[in-house]
Amino acid sequence: SLQELSHSSFRITPSYRIIAEYGPDHDKTFEVGLTIGDVLSTTGTGKSKKEAEQQAARKALAQLIGDHLCD
């Protein structure tokens, strides 16, 4: 949903990058940054990279939907 909204609204694909990894190898927590050009930047954390990316995407989607509702 985020990719579709980002592409249709801004013609930009969201970009993810790992900001940090915490904890021992058997119990890591990942922090991922998500950016959509200069429009939006959020972070997410999770026990896997995918979980952290999904959390960041949910935050970004909530912000974008909120912004669209205010227009």
PDB file of N, CA and C in Angstrom:
ATOM      1  N   SER A   1       0.819  -1.198   0.000  1.00  0.00           N
ATOM      2  CA  SER A   1       0.000   0.000   0.000  1.00  0.00           C
ATOM      3  C   SER A   1       0.865   1.265   0.000  1.00  0.00           C
ATOM      4  N   LEU A   2       1.927   1.231   0.801  1.00  0.00           N
ATOM      5  CA  LEU A   2       2.798   2.407   0.874  1.00  0.00           C
ATOM      6  C   LEU A   2       3.460   2.673  -0.468  1.00  0.00           C
ATOM      7  N   GLN A   3       3.978   1.619  -1.100  1.00  0.00           N
ATOM      8  CA  GLN A   3       4.643   1.815  -2.393  1.00  0.00           C
ATOM      9  C   GLN A   3       3.683   2.390  -3.421  1.00  0.00           C
ATOM     10  N   GLU A   4       2.463   1.892  -3.457  1.00  0.00           N
ATOM     11  CA  GLU A   4       1.474   2.390  -4.411  1.00  0.00           C
ATOM     12  C   GLU A   4       1.156   3.855  -4.156  1.00  0.00           C
ATOM     13  N   LEU A   5       0.916   4.213  -2.899  1.00  0.00           N
ATOM     14  CA  LEU A   5       0.590   5.598  -2.562  1.00  0.00           C
ATOM     15  C   LEU A   5       1.772   6.518  -2.840  1.00  0.00           C
ATOM     16  N   SER A   6       2.963   6.068  -2.464  1.00  0.00           N
ATOM     17  CA  SER A   6       4.161   6.873  -2.688  1.00  0.00           C
ATOM     18  C   SER A   6       4.390   7.112  -4.170  1.00  0.00           C
ATOM     19  N   HIS A   7       4.237   6.059  -4.949  1.00  0.00           N
ATOM     20  CA  HIS A   7       4.489   6.196  -6.384  1.00  0.00           C
ATOM     21  C   HIS A   7       3.419   7.059  -7.064  1.00  0.00           C
ATOM     22  N   SER A   8       2.160   6.856  -6.681  1.00  0.00           N
ATOM     23  CA  SER A   8       1.102   7.637  -7.326  1.00  0.00           C
ATOM     24  C   SER A   8       1.124   9.102  -6.893  1.00  0.00           C
ATOM     25  N   SER A   9       1.504   9.368  -5.645  1.00  0.00           N
ATOM     26  CA  SER A   9       1.501  10.743  -5.150  1.00  0.00           C
ATOM     27  C   SER A   9       2.776  11.506  -5.489  1.00  0.00           C
ATOM     28  N   PHE A  10       3.926  10.816  -5.409  1.00  0.00           N
ATOM     29  CA  PHE A  10       5.201  11.518  -5.533  1.00  0.00           C
ATOM     30  C   PHE A  10       6.089  10.997  -6.660  1.00  0.00           C
ATOM     31  N   ARG A  11       5.670   9.880  -7.275  1.00  0.00           N
ATOM     32  CA  ARG A  11       6.480   9.222  -8.318  1.00  0.00           C
ATOM     33  C   ARG A  11       7.848   8.801  -7.775  1.00  0.00           C
ATOM     34  N   ILE A  12       7.863   8.405  -6.495  1.00  0.00           N
ATOM     35  CA  ILE A  12       9.081   7.980  -5.817  1.00  0.00           C
ATOM     36  C   ILE A  12       8.807   6.647  -5.125  1.00  0.00           C
ATOM     37  N   THR A  13       9.757   5.742  -5.191  1.00  0.00           N
ATOM     38  CA  THR A  13       9.675   4.476  -4.466  1.00  0.00           C
ATOM     39  C   THR A  13      10.348   4.644  -3.106  1.00  0.00           C
ATOM     40  N   PRO A  14       9.717   4.166  -2.029  1.00  0.00           N
ATOM     41  CA  PRO A  14      10.343   4.267  -0.711  1.00  0.00           C
ATOM     42  C   PRO A  14      11.690   3.546  -0.682  1.00  0.00           C
ATOM     43  N   SER A  15      12.598   4.083   0.108  1.00  0.00           N
ATOM     44  CA  SER A  15      13.934   3.514   0.247  1.00  0.00           C
ATOM     45  C   SER A  15      14.148   3.108   1.704  1.00  0.00           C
ATOM     46  N   TYR A  16      14.653   1.895   1.909  1.00  0.00           N
ATOM     47  CA  TYR A  16      14.907   1.380   3.247  1.00  0.00           C
ATOM     48  C   TYR A  16      16.404   1.203   3.457  1.00  0.00           C
ATOM     49  N   ARG A  17      16.858   1.449   4.705  1.00  0.00           N
ATOM     50  CA  ARG A  17      18.249   1.137   5.035  1.00  0.00           C
ATOM     51  C   ARG A  17      18.337   0.789   6.508  1.00  0.00           C
ATOM     52  N   ILE A  18      19.244  -0.108   6.824  1.00  0.00           N
ATOM     53  CA  ILE A  18      19.446  -0.507   8.208  1.00  0.00           C
ATOM     54  C   ILE A  18      20.251   0.590   8.906  1.00  0.00           C
ATOM     55  N   ILE A  19      19.698   1.101   9.992  1.00  0.00           N
ATOM     56  CA  ILE A  19      20.356   2.144  10.763  1.00  0.00           C
ATOM     57  C   ILE A  19      21.234   1.519  11.845  1.00  0.00           C
ATOM     58  N   ALA A  20      20.700   0.486  12.512  1.00  0.00           N
ATOM     59  CA  ALA A  20      21.438  -0.125  13.616  1.00  0.00           C
ATOM     60  C   ALA A  20      20.958  -1.549  13.864  1.00  0.00           C
ATOM     61  N   GLU A  21      21.804  -2.308  14.515  1.00  0.00           N
ATOM     62  CA  GLU A  21      21.479  -3.646  14.996  1.00  0.00           C
ATOM     63  C   GLU A  21      21.895  -3.691  16.458  1.00  0.00           C
ATOM     64  N   TYR A  22      20.993  -4.157  17.311  1.00  0.00           N
ATOM     65  CA  TYR A  22      21.257  -4.216  18.739  1.00  0.00           C
ATOM     66  C   TYR A  22      21.161  -5.655  19.220  1.00  0.00           C
ATOM     67  N   GLY A  23      21.910  -5.986  20.244  1.00  0.00           N
ATOM     68  CA  GLY A  23      21.796  -7.274  20.904  1.00  0.00           C
ATOM     69  C   GLY A  23      22.705  -8.340  20.340  1.00  0.00           C
ATOM     70  N   PRO A  24      22.730  -9.484  21.029  1.00  0.00           N
ATOM     71  CA  PRO A  24      23.571 -10.592  20.589  1.00  0.00           C
ATOM     72  C   PRO A  24      23.031 -11.221  19.305  1.00  0.00           C
ATOM     73  N   ASP A  25      23.885 -11.957  18.609  1.00  0.00           N
ATOM     74  CA  ASP A  25      23.503 -12.552  17.324  1.00  0.00           C
ATOM     75  C   ASP A  25      22.232 -13.396  17.402  1.00  0.00           C
ATOM     76  N   HIS A  26      22.019 -14.073  18.506  1.00  0.00           N
ATOM     77  CA  HIS A  26      20.839 -14.948  18.619  1.00  0.00           C
ATOM     78  C   HIS A  26      19.565 -14.189  19.011  1.00  0.00           C
ATOM     79  N   ASP A  27      19.676 -12.908  19.299  1.00  0.00           N
ATOM     80  CA  ASP A  27      18.508 -12.128  19.726  1.00  0.00           C
ATOM     81  C   ASP A  27      18.641 -10.675  19.274  1.00  0.00           C
ATOM     82  N   LYS A  28      18.833 -10.462  17.987  1.00  0.00           N
ATOM     83  CA  LYS A  28      19.037  -9.119  17.423  1.00  0.00           C
ATOM     84  C   LYS A  28      17.734  -8.337  17.353  1.00  0.00           C
ATOM     85  N   THR A  29      17.875  -7.038  17.460  1.00  0.00           N
ATOM     86  CA  THR A  29      16.803  -6.094  17.159  1.00  0.00           C
ATOM     87  C   THR A  29      17.352  -5.162  16.087  1.00  0.00           C
ATOM     88  N   PHE A  30      16.572  -4.962  15.038  1.00  0.00           N
ATOM     89  CA  PHE A  30      17.001  -4.136  13.915  1.00  0.00           C
ATOM     90  C   PHE A  30      16.239  -2.820  13.926  1.00  0.00           C
ATOM     91  N   GLU A  31      16.942  -1.756  13.561  1.00  0.00           N
ATOM     92  CA  GLU A  31      16.317  -0.451  13.363  1.00  0.00           C
ATOM     93  C   GLU A  31      16.521  -0.075  11.901  1.00  0.00           C
ATOM     94  N   VAL A  32      15.418   0.197  11.223  1.00  0.00           N
ATOM     95  CA  VAL A  32      15.446   0.485   9.790  1.00  0.00           C
ATOM     96  C   VAL A  32      14.899   1.881   9.550  1.00  0.00           C
ATOM     97  N   GLY A  33      15.547   2.616   8.668  1.00  0.00           N
ATOM     98  CA  GLY A  33      15.066   3.926   8.255  1.00  0.00           C
ATOM     99  C   GLY A  33      14.377   3.821   6.910  1.00  0.00           C
ATOM    100  N   LEU A  34      13.304   4.543   6.751  1.00  0.00           N
ATOM    101  CA  LEU A  34      12.557   4.587   5.495  1.00  0.00           C
ATOM    102  C   LEU A  34      12.493   6.038   5.047  1.00  0.00           C
ATOM    103  N   THR A  35      12.819   6.288   3.804  1.00  0.00           N
ATOM    104  CA  THR A  35      12.687   7.640   3.266  1.00  0.00           C
ATOM    105  C   THR A  35      11.928   7.589   1.953  1.00  0.00           C
ATOM    106  N   ILE A  36      11.186   8.644   1.717  1.00  0.00           N
ATOM    107  CA  ILE A  36      10.501   8.851   0.439  1.00  0.00           C
ATOM    108  C   ILE A  36      10.977  10.213  -0.053  1.00  0.00           C
ATOM    109  N   GLY A  37      12.049  10.186  -0.825  1.00  0.00           N
ATOM    110  CA  GLY A  37      12.645  11.429  -1.315  1.00  0.00           C
ATOM    111  C   GLY A  37      12.905  12.390  -0.173  1.00  0.00           C
ATOM    112  N   ASP A  38      12.519  13.637  -0.359  1.00  0.00           N
ATOM    113  CA  ASP A  38      12.618  14.646   0.699  1.00  0.00           C
ATOM    114  C   ASP A  38      11.282  14.840   1.397  1.00  0.00           C
ATOM    115  N   VAL A  39      10.315  13.970   1.074  1.00  0.00           N
ATOM    116  CA  VAL A  39       8.949  14.140   1.545  1.00  0.00           C
ATOM    117  C   VAL A  39       8.741  13.599   2.955  1.00  0.00           C
ATOM    118  N   LEU A  40       9.352  12.441   3.260  1.00  0.00           N
ATOM    119  CA  LEU A  40       9.027  11.754   4.505  1.00  0.00           C
ATOM    120  C   LEU A  40      10.187  10.885   4.951  1.00  0.00           C
ATOM    121  N   SER A  41      10.374  10.793   6.258  1.00  0.00           N
ATOM    122  CA  SER A  41      11.391   9.911   6.823  1.00  0.00           C
ATOM    123  C   SER A  41      10.844   9.336   8.117  1.00  0.00           C
ATOM    124  N   THR A  42      10.870   7.996   8.256  1.00  0.00           N
ATOM    125  CA  THR A  42      10.428   7.334   9.475  1.00  0.00           C
ATOM    126  C   THR A  42      11.408   6.220   9.815  1.00  0.00           C
ATOM    127  N   THR A  43      11.244   5.660  10.999  1.00  0.00           N
ATOM    128  CA  THR A  43      12.042   4.506  11.396  1.00  0.00           C
ATOM    129  C   THR A  43      11.130   3.437  11.970  1.00  0.00           C
ATOM    130  N   GLY A  44      11.633   2.222  11.989  1.00  0.00           N
ATOM    131  CA  GLY A  44      10.917   1.115  12.594  1.00  0.00           C
ATOM    132  C   GLY A  44      11.905   0.158  13.215  1.00  0.00           C
ATOM    133  N   THR A  45      11.447  -0.586  14.217  1.00  0.00           N
ATOM    134  CA  THR A  45      12.298  -1.583  14.851  1.00  0.00           C
ATOM    135  C   THR A  45      11.585  -2.922  14.857  1.00  0.00           C
ATOM    136  N   GLY A  46      12.377  -3.990  14.905  1.00  0.00           N
ATOM    137  CA  GLY A  46      11.799  -5.319  14.948  1.00  0.00           C
ATOM    138  C   GLY A  46      12.856  -6.381  15.144  1.00  0.00           C
ATOM    139  N   LYS A  47      12.416  -7.580  15.393  1.00  0.00           N
ATOM    140  CA  LYS A  47      13.310  -8.712  15.611  1.00  0.00           C
ATOM    141  C   LYS A  47      13.856  -9.268  14.301  1.00  0.00           C
ATOM    142  N   SER A  48      13.343  -8.790  13.181  1.00  0.00           N
ATOM    143  CA  SER A  48      13.896  -9.141  11.867  1.00  0.00           C
ATOM    144  C   SER A  48      13.931  -7.868  11.035  1.00  0.00           C
ATOM    145  N   LYS A  49      14.732  -7.892   9.974  1.00  0.00           N
ATOM    146  CA  LYS A  49      14.790  -6.727   9.089  1.00  0.00           C
ATOM    147  C   LYS A  49      13.423  -6.466   8.478  1.00  0.00           C
ATOM    148  N   LYS A  50      12.750  -7.540   8.082  1.00  0.00           N
ATOM    149  CA  LYS A  50      11.426  -7.404   7.462  1.00  0.00           C
ATOM    150  C   LYS A  50      10.427  -6.778   8.441  1.00  0.00           C
ATOM    151  N   GLU A  51      10.448  -7.228   9.683  1.00  0.00           N
ATOM    152  CA  GLU A  51       9.538  -6.673  10.692  1.00  0.00           C
ATOM    153  C   GLU A  51       9.808  -5.190  10.906  1.00  0.00           C
ATOM    154  N   ALA A  52      11.073  -4.805  10.953  1.00  0.00           N
ATOM    155  CA  ALA A  52      11.437  -3.396  11.136  1.00  0.00           C
ATOM    156  C   ALA A  52      10.994  -2.568   9.930  1.00  0.00           C
ATOM    157  N   GLU A  53      11.181  -3.106   8.714  1.00  0.00           N
ATOM    158  CA  GLU A  53      10.741  -2.407   7.501  1.00  0.00           C
ATOM    159  C   GLU A  53       9.232  -2.233   7.500  1.00  0.00           C
ATOM    160  N   GLN A  54       8.505  -3.277   7.905  1.00  0.00           N
ATOM    161  CA  GLN A  54       7.033  -3.188   7.924  1.00  0.00           C
ATOM    162  C   GLN A  54       6.556  -2.148   8.935  1.00  0.00           C
ATOM    163  N   GLN A  55       7.217  -2.083  10.087  1.00  0.00           N
ATOM    164  CA  GLN A  55       6.826  -1.075  11.082  1.00  0.00           C
ATOM    165  C   GLN A  55       7.073   0.338  10.547  1.00  0.00           C
ATOM    166  N   ALA A  56       8.219   0.532   9.915  1.00  0.00           N
ATOM    167  CA  ALA A  56       8.523   1.844   9.335  1.00  0.00           C
ATOM    168  C   ALA A  56       7.502   2.190   8.244  1.00  0.00           C
ATOM    169  N   ALA A  57       7.130   1.206   7.436  1.00  0.00           N
ATOM    170  CA  ALA A  57       6.151   1.432   6.368  1.00  0.00           C
ATOM    171  C   ALA A  57       4.778   1.781   6.939  1.00  0.00           C
ATOM    172  N   ARG A  58       4.379   1.105   8.013  1.00  0.00           N
ATOM    173  CA  ARG A  58       3.085   1.424   8.642  1.00  0.00           C
ATOM    174  C   ARG A  58       3.068   2.864   9.160  1.00  0.00           C
ATOM    175  N   LYS A  59       4.177   3.280   9.783  1.00  0.00           N
ATOM    176  CA  LYS A  59       4.263   4.664  10.282  1.00  0.00           C
ATOM    177  C   LYS A  59       4.175   5.661   9.126  1.00  0.00           C
ATOM    178  N   ALA A  60       4.912   5.377   8.063  1.00  0.00           N
ATOM    179  CA  ALA A  60       4.916   6.279   6.908  1.00  0.00           C
ATOM    180  C   ALA A  60       3.531   6.353   6.274  1.00  0.00           C
ATOM    181  N   LEU A  61       2.884   5.204   6.126  1.00  0.00           N
ATOM    182  CA  LEU A  61       1.554   5.167   5.525  1.00  0.00           C
ATOM    183  C   LEU A  61       0.560   5.961   6.374  1.00  0.00           C
ATOM    184  N   ALA A  62       0.639   5.814   7.681  1.00  0.00           N
ATOM    185  CA  ALA A  62      -0.252   6.557   8.576  1.00  0.00           C
ATOM    186  C   ALA A  62      -0.034   8.058   8.426  1.00  0.00           C
ATOM    187  N   GLN A  63       1.232   8.467   8.306  1.00  0.00           N
ATOM    188  CA  GLN A  63       1.518   9.894   8.129  1.00  0.00           C
ATOM    189  C   GLN A  63       0.999  10.392   6.784  1.00  0.00           C
ATOM    190  N   LEU A  64       1.226   9.630   5.733  1.00  0.00           N
ATOM    191  CA  LEU A  64       0.773  10.057   4.414  1.00  0.00           C
ATOM    192  C   LEU A  64      -0.743  10.110   4.315  1.00  0.00           C
ATOM    193  N   ILE A  65      -1.419   9.131   4.877  1.00  0.00           N
ATOM    194  CA  ILE A  65      -2.884   9.139   4.852  1.00  0.00           C
ATOM    195  C   ILE A  65      -3.405  10.316   5.663  1.00  0.00           C
ATOM    196  N   GLY A  66      -2.784  10.570   6.815  1.00  0.00           N
ATOM    197  CA  GLY A  66      -3.175  11.719   7.632  1.00  0.00           C
ATOM    198  C   GLY A  66      -2.988  13.028   6.892  1.00  0.00           C
ATOM    199  N   ASP A  67      -1.864  13.142   6.161  1.00  0.00           N
ATOM    200  CA  ASP A  67      -1.605  14.357   5.391  1.00  0.00           C
ATOM    201  C   ASP A  67      -2.637  14.529   4.290  1.00  0.00           C
ATOM    202  N   HIS A  68      -3.010  13.420   3.625  1.00  0.00           N
ATOM    203  CA  HIS A  68      -3.999  13.500   2.544  1.00  0.00           C
ATOM    204  C   HIS A  68      -5.387  13.862   3.073  1.00  0.00           C
ATOM    205  N   LEU A  69      -5.698  13.405   4.274  1.00  0.00           N
ATOM    206  CA  LEU A  69      -7.005  13.727   4.854  1.00  0.00           C
ATOM    207  C   LEU A  69      -7.100  15.199   5.218  1.00  0.00           C
ATOM    208  N   CYS A  70      -5.954  15.810   5.514  1.00  0.00           N
ATOM    209  CA  CYS A  70      -5.931  17.239   5.880  1.00  0.00           C
ATOM    210  C   CYS A  70      -6.017  18.149   4.668  1.00  0.00           C
ATOM    211  N   ASP A  71      -5.743  17.627   3.470  1.00  0.00           N
ATOM    212  CA  ASP A  71      -5.761  18.449   2.255  1.00  0.00           C
ATOM    213  C   ASP A  71      -7.169  18.834   1.844  1.00  0.00           C
TER     214      ASP A  71
END
